[in-house]
Amino acid sequence: MRVRANCRRCDSRMGTAATSLAAFRDRVVLLNVWATWCGPCREEMPTLDRLQAALGGPHFEVVAVSVDAGGLPVVQAFFRETGVKHLHPYLDTFHDAAAVITTGIPITLLVDRNGREAGRKLGPATWDDPRTLQLIQRYLPA
Protein backbone atom coordinates (compact mmCIF):
# COMPACT_ATOMS: atom_id res chain seq x y z
CA MET A 1 0.00 0.00 0.00
CA ARG A 2 1.32 3.44 -0.89
CA VAL A 3 1.44 5.84 2.02
CA ARG A 4 0.32 9.41 1.45
CA ALA A 5 0.61 12.03 4.12
CA ASN A 6 0.80 15.79 4.00
CA CYS A 7 2.21 17.86 6.82
CA ARG A 8 4.19 21.02 7.48
CA ARG A 9 7.90 20.96 8.15
CA CYS A 10 8.86 23.67 10.57
CA ASP A 11 12.27 25.25 10.78
CA SER A 12 13.30 28.28 12.79
CA ARG A 13 15.29 29.53 9.79
CA MET A 14 12.80 28.74 7.01
CA GLY A 15 9.45 29.01 8.80
CA THR A 16 6.85 26.42 7.86
CA ALA A 17 6.47 24.76 4.49
CA ALA A 18 3.92 22.25 3.29
CA THR A 19 5.43 18.90 2.42
CA SER A 20 4.41 15.31 1.85
CA LEU A 21 6.01 11.90 1.81
CA ALA A 22 6.55 12.40 -1.92
CA ALA A 23 9.31 14.83 -0.93
CA PHE A 24 11.21 11.84 0.49
CA ARG A 25 11.09 9.80 -2.72
CA ASP A 26 13.97 7.33 -2.97
CA ARG A 27 14.46 7.51 0.80
CA VAL A 28 13.32 5.13 3.49
CA VAL A 29 11.10 6.97 5.98
CA LEU A 30 10.11 6.07 9.51
CA LEU A 31 6.84 8.02 9.84
CA ASN A 32 5.92 8.49 13.49
CA VAL A 33 2.60 10.07 14.51
CA TRP A 34 2.76 11.42 18.05
CA ALA A 35 1.72 14.16 20.50
CA THR A 36 3.36 15.86 23.46
CA TRP A 37 0.41 14.92 25.71
CA CYS A 38 0.89 11.20 24.95
CA GLY A 39 3.01 9.53 27.65
CA PRO A 40 4.31 6.65 25.48
CA CYS A 41 5.11 9.15 22.70
CA ARG A 42 7.17 11.22 25.12
CA GLU A 43 9.08 8.12 26.22
CA GLU A 44 10.01 6.99 22.71
CA MET A 45 10.90 10.40 21.21
CA PRO A 46 14.53 10.39 22.47
CA THR A 47 15.04 6.97 20.84
CA LEU A 48 13.68 8.34 17.55
CA ASP A 49 16.11 11.25 17.87
CA ARG A 50 19.01 8.82 18.39
CA LEU A 51 17.82 6.73 15.42
CA GLN A 52 17.88 9.83 13.21
CA ALA A 53 21.37 10.66 14.49
CA ALA A 54 22.55 7.13 13.69
CA LEU A 55 20.93 6.51 10.29
CA GLY A 56 19.63 9.86 9.06
CA GLY A 57 20.98 11.12 5.78
CA PRO A 58 20.40 10.85 2.05
CA HIS A 59 18.81 7.38 2.30
CA PHE A 60 16.82 7.57 5.56
CA GLU A 61 14.73 10.06 7.52
CA VAL A 62 12.67 9.93 10.68
CA VAL A 63 9.56 12.04 10.08
CA ALA A 64 7.88 12.62 13.43
CA VAL A 65 4.49 14.26 12.78
CA SER A 66 2.87 15.92 15.77
CA VAL A 67 -0.92 15.98 16.08
CA ASP A 68 -0.75 18.57 18.87
CA ALA A 69 -3.43 21.25 18.62
CA GLY A 70 -0.95 23.72 20.18
CA GLY A 71 1.19 23.63 17.05
CA LEU A 72 4.84 24.48 16.69
CA PRO A 73 5.42 26.25 20.05
CA VAL A 74 4.33 23.13 21.96
CA VAL A 75 6.53 20.84 19.85
CA GLN A 76 9.55 23.14 20.06
CA ALA A 77 9.23 23.40 23.84
CA PHE A 78 9.03 19.60 24.09
CA PHE A 79 12.10 19.15 21.87
CA ARG A 80 14.06 21.61 24.05
CA GLU A 81 12.85 19.96 27.27
CA THR A 82 13.84 16.46 26.15
CA GLY A 83 17.03 17.38 24.27
CA VAL A 84 15.78 16.32 20.83
CA LYS A 85 18.32 17.73 18.39
CA HIS A 86 18.27 15.57 15.25
CA LEU A 87 14.57 15.59 14.35
CA HIS A 88 12.78 18.31 12.43
CA PRO A 89 9.36 19.29 13.77
CA TYR A 90 6.51 18.27 11.48
CA LEU A 91 2.90 19.26 12.15
CA ASP A 92 -0.27 17.52 10.97
CA THR A 93 -1.84 20.78 9.85
CA PHE A 94 -3.74 19.04 7.03
CA HIS A 95 -5.16 16.38 9.41
CA ASP A 96 -3.95 13.57 7.15
CA ALA A 97 -2.67 11.61 10.14
CA ALA A 98 -6.26 10.70 11.00
CA ALA A 99 -6.09 8.03 8.29
CA VAL A 100 -3.15 6.44 10.11
CA ILE A 101 -4.17 6.86 13.76
CA THR A 102 -7.51 5.10 13.77
CA THR A 103 -6.22 2.89 16.60
CA GLY A 104 -4.26 5.41 18.68
CA ILE A 105 -0.80 6.89 19.07
CA PRO A 106 2.05 6.55 18.89
CA ILE A 107 1.90 4.76 15.58
CA THR A 108 4.89 4.36 13.32
CA LEU A 109 5.10 3.27 9.70
CA LEU A 110 8.23 2.15 7.91
CA VAL A 111 7.91 3.41 4.34
CA ASP A 112 10.24 2.01 1.69
CA ARG A 113 11.99 3.99 -1.06
CA ASN A 114 8.99 3.50 -3.35
CA GLY A 115 6.54 5.03 -0.87
CA ARG A 116 5.05 1.68 0.15
CA GLU A 117 4.34 0.67 3.71
CA ALA A 118 6.88 -1.98 4.73
CA GLY A 119 5.87 -2.21 8.39
CA ARG A 120 3.69 -0.73 11.11
CA LYS A 121 4.06 -0.52 14.88
CA LEU A 122 1.29 0.60 17.19
CA GLY A 123 2.60 1.76 20.54
CA PRO A 124 6.02 2.85 21.72
CA ALA A 125 9.31 1.23 20.80
CA THR A 126 12.99 1.59 21.52
CA TRP A 127 13.90 2.78 18.03
CA ASP A 128 17.65 2.85 18.58
CA ASP A 129 17.75 -0.79 19.74
CA PRO A 130 20.37 -2.78 17.74
CA ARG A 131 17.74 -5.20 16.39
CA THR A 132 15.57 -2.33 15.20
CA LEU A 133 18.56 -0.65 13.56
CA GLN A 134 19.35 -3.89 11.71
CA LEU A 135 15.74 -4.21 10.55
CA ILE A 136 15.69 -0.68 9.14
CA GLN A 137 19.13 -1.06 7.56
CA ARG A 138 17.77 -3.97 5.48
CA TYR A 139 15.72 -1.42 3.56
CA LEU A 140 18.64 0.92 2.95
CA PRO A 141 20.95 0.67 -0.05
CA ALA A 142 24.26 -1.08 0.61
C-alpha atoms as a PDB file:
ATOM      1  CA  MET A   1       0.000   0.000   0.000  1.00  0.00           C
ATOM      2  CA  ARG A   2       1.322   3.437  -0.890  1.00  0.00           C
ATOM      3  CA  VAL A   3       1.437   5.840   2.018  1.00  0.00           C
ATOM      4  CA  ARG A   4       0.319   9.414   1.450  1.00  0.00           C
ATOM      5  CA  ALA A   5       0.611  12.033   4.121  1.00  0.00           C
ATOM      6  CA  ASN A   6       0.799  15.792   4.000  1.00  0.00           C
ATOM      7  CA  CYS A   7       2.215  17.863   6.824  1.00  0.00           C
ATOM      8  CA  ARG A   8       4.187  21.020   7.482  1.00  0.00           C
ATOM      9  CA  ARG A   9       7.899  20.958   8.153  1.00  0.00           C
ATOM     10  CA  CYS A  10       8.857  23.674  10.573  1.00  0.00           C
ATOM     11  CA  ASP A  11      12.266  25.250  10.779  1.00  0.00           C
ATOM     12  CA  SER A  12      13.302  28.279  12.790  1.00  0.00           C
ATOM     13  CA  ARG A  13      15.287  29.530   9.786  1.00  0.00           C
ATOM     14  CA  MET A  14      12.802  28.735   7.006  1.00  0.00           C
ATOM     15  CA  GLY A  15       9.450  29.008   8.801  1.00  0.00           C
ATOM     16  CA  THR A  16       6.855  26.420   7.859  1.00  0.00           C
ATOM     17  CA  ALA A  17       6.471  24.757   4.495  1.00  0.00           C
ATOM     18  CA  ALA A  18       3.924  22.245   3.289  1.00  0.00           C
ATOM     19  CA  THR A  19       5.434  18.895   2.417  1.00  0.00           C
ATOM     20  CA  SER A  20       4.408  15.308   1.847  1.00  0.00           C
ATOM     21  CA  LEU A  21       6.008  11.896   1.811  1.00  0.00           C
ATOM     22  CA  ALA A  22       6.552  12.396  -1.917  1.00  0.00           C
ATOM     23  CA  ALA A  23       9.310  14.834  -0.929  1.00  0.00           C
ATOM     24  CA  PHE A  24      11.209  11.836   0.490  1.00  0.00           C
ATOM     25  CA  ARG A  25      11.086   9.796  -2.720  1.00  0.00           C
ATOM     26  CA  ASP A  26      13.972   7.333  -2.965  1.00  0.00           C
ATOM     27  CA  ARG A  27      14.461   7.506   0.801  1.00  0.00           C
ATOM     28  CA  VAL A  28      13.319   5.126   3.491  1.00  0.00           C
ATOM     29  CA  VAL A  29      11.100   6.969   5.977  1.00  0.00           C
ATOM     30  CA  LEU A  30      10.115   6.073   9.508  1.00  0.00           C
ATOM     31  CA  LEU A  31       6.841   8.020   9.839  1.00  0.00           C
ATOM     32  CA  ASN A  32       5.917   8.487  13.486  1.00  0.00           C
ATOM     33  CA  VAL A  33       2.597  10.072  14.513  1.00  0.00           C
ATOM     34  CA  TRP A  34       2.761  11.418  18.050  1.00  0.00           C
ATOM     35  CA  ALA A  35       1.721  14.157  20.496  1.00  0.00           C
ATOM     36  CA  THR A  36       3.360  15.860  23.455  1.00  0.00           C
ATOM     37  CA  TRP A  37       0.414  14.918  25.713  1.00  0.00           C
ATOM     38  CA  CYS A  38       0.893  11.202  24.948  1.00  0.00           C
ATOM     39  CA  GLY A  39       3.009   9.528  27.645  1.00  0.00           C
ATOM     40  CA  PRO A  40       4.311   6.653  25.480  1.00  0.00           C
ATOM     41  CA  CYS A  41       5.114   9.153  22.701  1.00  0.00           C
ATOM     42  CA  ARG A  42       7.168  11.216  25.120  1.00  0.00           C
ATOM     43  CA  GLU A  43       9.077   8.122  26.218  1.00  0.00           C
ATOM     44  CA  GLU A  44      10.005   6.988  22.708  1.00  0.00           C
ATOM     45  CA  MET A  45      10.901  10.397  21.212  1.00  0.00           C
ATOM     46  CA  PRO A  46      14.527  10.391  22.475  1.00  0.00           C
ATOM     47  CA  THR A  47      15.044   6.975  20.843  1.00  0.00           C
ATOM     48  CA  LEU A  48      13.680   8.337  17.546  1.00  0.00           C
ATOM     49  CA  ASP A  49      16.113  11.248  17.867  1.00  0.00           C
ATOM     50  CA  ARG A  50      19.013   8.825  18.395  1.00  0.00           C
ATOM     51  CA  LEU A  51      17.820   6.729  15.419  1.00  0.00           C
ATOM     52  CA  GLN A  52      17.875   9.825  13.208  1.00  0.00           C
ATOM     53  CA  ALA A  53      21.369  10.657  14.485  1.00  0.00           C
ATOM     54  CA  ALA A  54      22.546   7.125  13.694  1.00  0.00           C
ATOM     55  CA  LEU A  55      20.930   6.512  10.290  1.00  0.00           C
ATOM     56  CA  GLY A  56      19.629   9.861   9.064  1.00  0.00           C
ATOM     57  CA  GLY A  57      20.983  11.115   5.776  1.00  0.00           C
ATOM     58  CA  PRO A  58      20.405  10.851   2.047  1.00  0.00           C
ATOM     59  CA  HIS A  59      18.810   7.385   2.302  1.00  0.00           C
ATOM     60  CA  PHE A  60      16.824   7.573   5.555  1.00  0.00           C
ATOM     61  CA  GLU A  61      14.731  10.065   7.524  1.00  0.00           C
ATOM     62  CA  VAL A  62      12.667   9.925  10.684  1.00  0.00           C
ATOM     63  CA  VAL A  63       9.557  12.045  10.077  1.00  0.00           C
ATOM     64  CA  ALA A  64       7.876  12.621  13.434  1.00  0.00           C
ATOM     65  CA  VAL A  65       4.488  14.257  12.776  1.00  0.00           C
ATOM     66  CA  SER A  66       2.867  15.920  15.766  1.00  0.00           C
ATOM     67  CA  VAL A  67      -0.920  15.979  16.076  1.00  0.00           C
ATOM     68  CA  ASP A  68      -0.746  18.569  18.874  1.00  0.00           C
ATOM     69  CA  ALA A  69      -3.434  21.251  18.624  1.00  0.00           C
ATOM     70  CA  GLY A  70      -0.951  23.719  20.184  1.00  0.00           C
ATOM     71  CA  GLY A  71       1.187  23.630  17.048  1.00  0.00           C
ATOM     72  CA  LEU A  72       4.844  24.482  16.688  1.00  0.00           C
ATOM     73  CA  PRO A  73       5.424  26.252  20.046  1.00  0.00           C
ATOM     74  CA  VAL A  74       4.331  23.134  21.963  1.00  0.00           C
ATOM     75  CA  VAL A  75       6.530  20.842  19.851  1.00  0.00           C
ATOM     76  CA  GLN A  76       9.551  23.140  20.059  1.00  0.00           C
ATOM     77  CA  ALA A  77       9.227  23.399  23.844  1.00  0.00           C
ATOM     78  CA  PHE A  78       9.026  19.602  24.093  1.00  0.00           C
ATOM     79  CA  PHE A  79      12.100  19.151  21.869  1.00  0.00           C
ATOM     80  CA  ARG A  80      14.056  21.607  24.048  1.00  0.00           C
ATOM     81  CA  GLU A  81      12.845  19.960  27.274  1.00  0.00           C
ATOM     82  CA  THR A  82      13.841  16.464  26.146  1.00  0.00           C
ATOM     83  CA  GLY A  83      17.034  17.377  24.274  1.00  0.00           C
ATOM     84  CA  VAL A  84      15.777  16.323  20.834  1.00  0.00           C
ATOM     85  CA  LYS A  85      18.324  17.729  18.388  1.00  0.00           C
ATOM     86  CA  HIS A  86      18.270  15.571  15.250  1.00  0.00           C
ATOM     87  CA  LEU A  87      14.570  15.588  14.352  1.00  0.00           C
ATOM     88  CA  HIS A  88      12.775  18.306  12.426  1.00  0.00           C
ATOM     89  CA  PRO A  89       9.364  19.287  13.770  1.00  0.00           C
ATOM     90  CA  TYR A  90       6.513  18.267  11.482  1.00  0.00           C
ATOM     91  CA  LEU A  91       2.902  19.259  12.149  1.00  0.00           C
ATOM     92  CA  ASP A  92      -0.270  17.518  10.974  1.00  0.00           C
ATOM     93  CA  THR A  93      -1.844  20.777   9.849  1.00  0.00           C
ATOM     94  CA  PHE A  94      -3.743  19.038   7.033  1.00  0.00           C
ATOM     95  CA  HIS A  95      -5.158  16.384   9.406  1.00  0.00           C
ATOM     96  CA  ASP A  96      -3.949  13.569   7.149  1.00  0.00           C
ATOM     97  CA  ALA A  97      -2.670  11.609  10.145  1.00  0.00           C
ATOM     98  CA  ALA A  98      -6.257  10.700  10.998  1.00  0.00           C
ATOM     99  CA  ALA A  99      -6.092   8.027   8.291  1.00  0.00           C
ATOM    100  CA  VAL A 100      -3.154   6.442  10.105  1.00  0.00           C
ATOM    101  CA  ILE A 101      -4.170   6.860  13.755  1.00  0.00           C
ATOM    102  CA  THR A 102      -7.505   5.095  13.770  1.00  0.00           C
ATOM    103  CA  THR A 103      -6.216   2.889  16.605  1.00  0.00           C
ATOM    104  CA  GLY A 104      -4.258   5.415  18.675  1.00  0.00           C
ATOM    105  CA  ILE A 105      -0.799   6.889  19.068  1.00  0.00           C
ATOM    106  CA  PRO A 106       2.055   6.549  18.891  1.00  0.00           C
ATOM    107  CA  ILE A 107       1.901   4.764  15.579  1.00  0.00           C
ATOM    108  CA  THR A 108       4.891   4.357  13.323  1.00  0.00           C
ATOM    109  CA  LEU A 109       5.104   3.268   9.700  1.00  0.00           C
ATOM    110  CA  LEU A 110       8.225   2.155   7.912  1.00  0.00           C
ATOM    111  CA  VAL A 111       7.909   3.414   4.344  1.00  0.00           C
ATOM    112  CA  ASP A 112      10.241   2.006   1.689  1.00  0.00           C
ATOM    113  CA  ARG A 113      11.994   3.989  -1.059  1.00  0.00           C
ATOM    114  CA  ASN A 114       8.994   3.503  -3.354  1.00  0.00           C
ATOM    115  CA  GLY A 115       6.543   5.030  -0.869  1.00  0.00           C
ATOM    116  CA  ARG A 116       5.052   1.681   0.151  1.00  0.00           C
ATOM    117  CA  GLU A 117       4.343   0.666   3.707  1.00  0.00           C
ATOM    118  CA  ALA A 118       6.880  -1.981   4.734  1.00  0.00           C
ATOM    119  CA  GLY A 119       5.867  -2.210   8.392  1.00  0.00           C
ATOM    120  CA  ARG A 120       3.692  -0.729  11.113  1.00  0.00           C
ATOM    121  CA  LYS A 121       4.062  -0.516  14.883  1.00  0.00           C
ATOM    122  CA  LEU A 122       1.290   0.603  17.195  1.00  0.00           C
ATOM    123  CA  GLY A 123       2.601   1.763  20.539  1.00  0.00           C
ATOM    124  CA  PRO A 124       6.016   2.855  21.720  1.00  0.00           C
ATOM    125  CA  ALA A 125       9.306   1.226  20.796  1.00  0.00           C
ATOM    126  CA  THR A 126      12.985   1.595  21.517  1.00  0.00           C
ATOM    127  CA  TRP A 127      13.903   2.785  18.033  1.00  0.00           C
ATOM    128  CA  ASP A 128      17.654   2.847  18.583  1.00  0.00           C
ATOM    129  CA  ASP A 129      17.752  -0.790  19.736  1.00  0.00           C
ATOM    130  CA  PRO A 130      20.371  -2.778  17.739  1.00  0.00           C
ATOM    131  CA  ARG A 131      17.744  -5.198  16.386  1.00  0.00           C
ATOM    132  CA  THR A 132      15.571  -2.331  15.204  1.00  0.00           C
ATOM    133  CA  LEU A 133      18.560  -0.653  13.563  1.00  0.00           C
ATOM    134  CA  GLN A 134      19.347  -3.890  11.709  1.00  0.00           C
ATOM    135  CA  LEU A 135      15.741  -4.214  10.552  1.00  0.00           C
ATOM    136  CA  ILE A 136      15.693  -0.680   9.144  1.00  0.00           C
ATOM    137  CA  GLN A 137      19.127  -1.062   7.563  1.00  0.00           C
ATOM    138  CA  ARG A 138      17.774  -3.971   5.481  1.00  0.00           C
ATOM    139  CA  TYR A 139      15.717  -1.425   3.557  1.00  0.00           C
ATOM    140  CA  LEU A 140      18.643   0.923   2.949  1.00  0.00           C
ATOM    141  CA  PRO A 141      20.950   0.673  -0.051  1.00  0.00           C
ATOM    142  CA  ALA A 142      24.262  -1.082   0.614  1.00  0.00           C
END
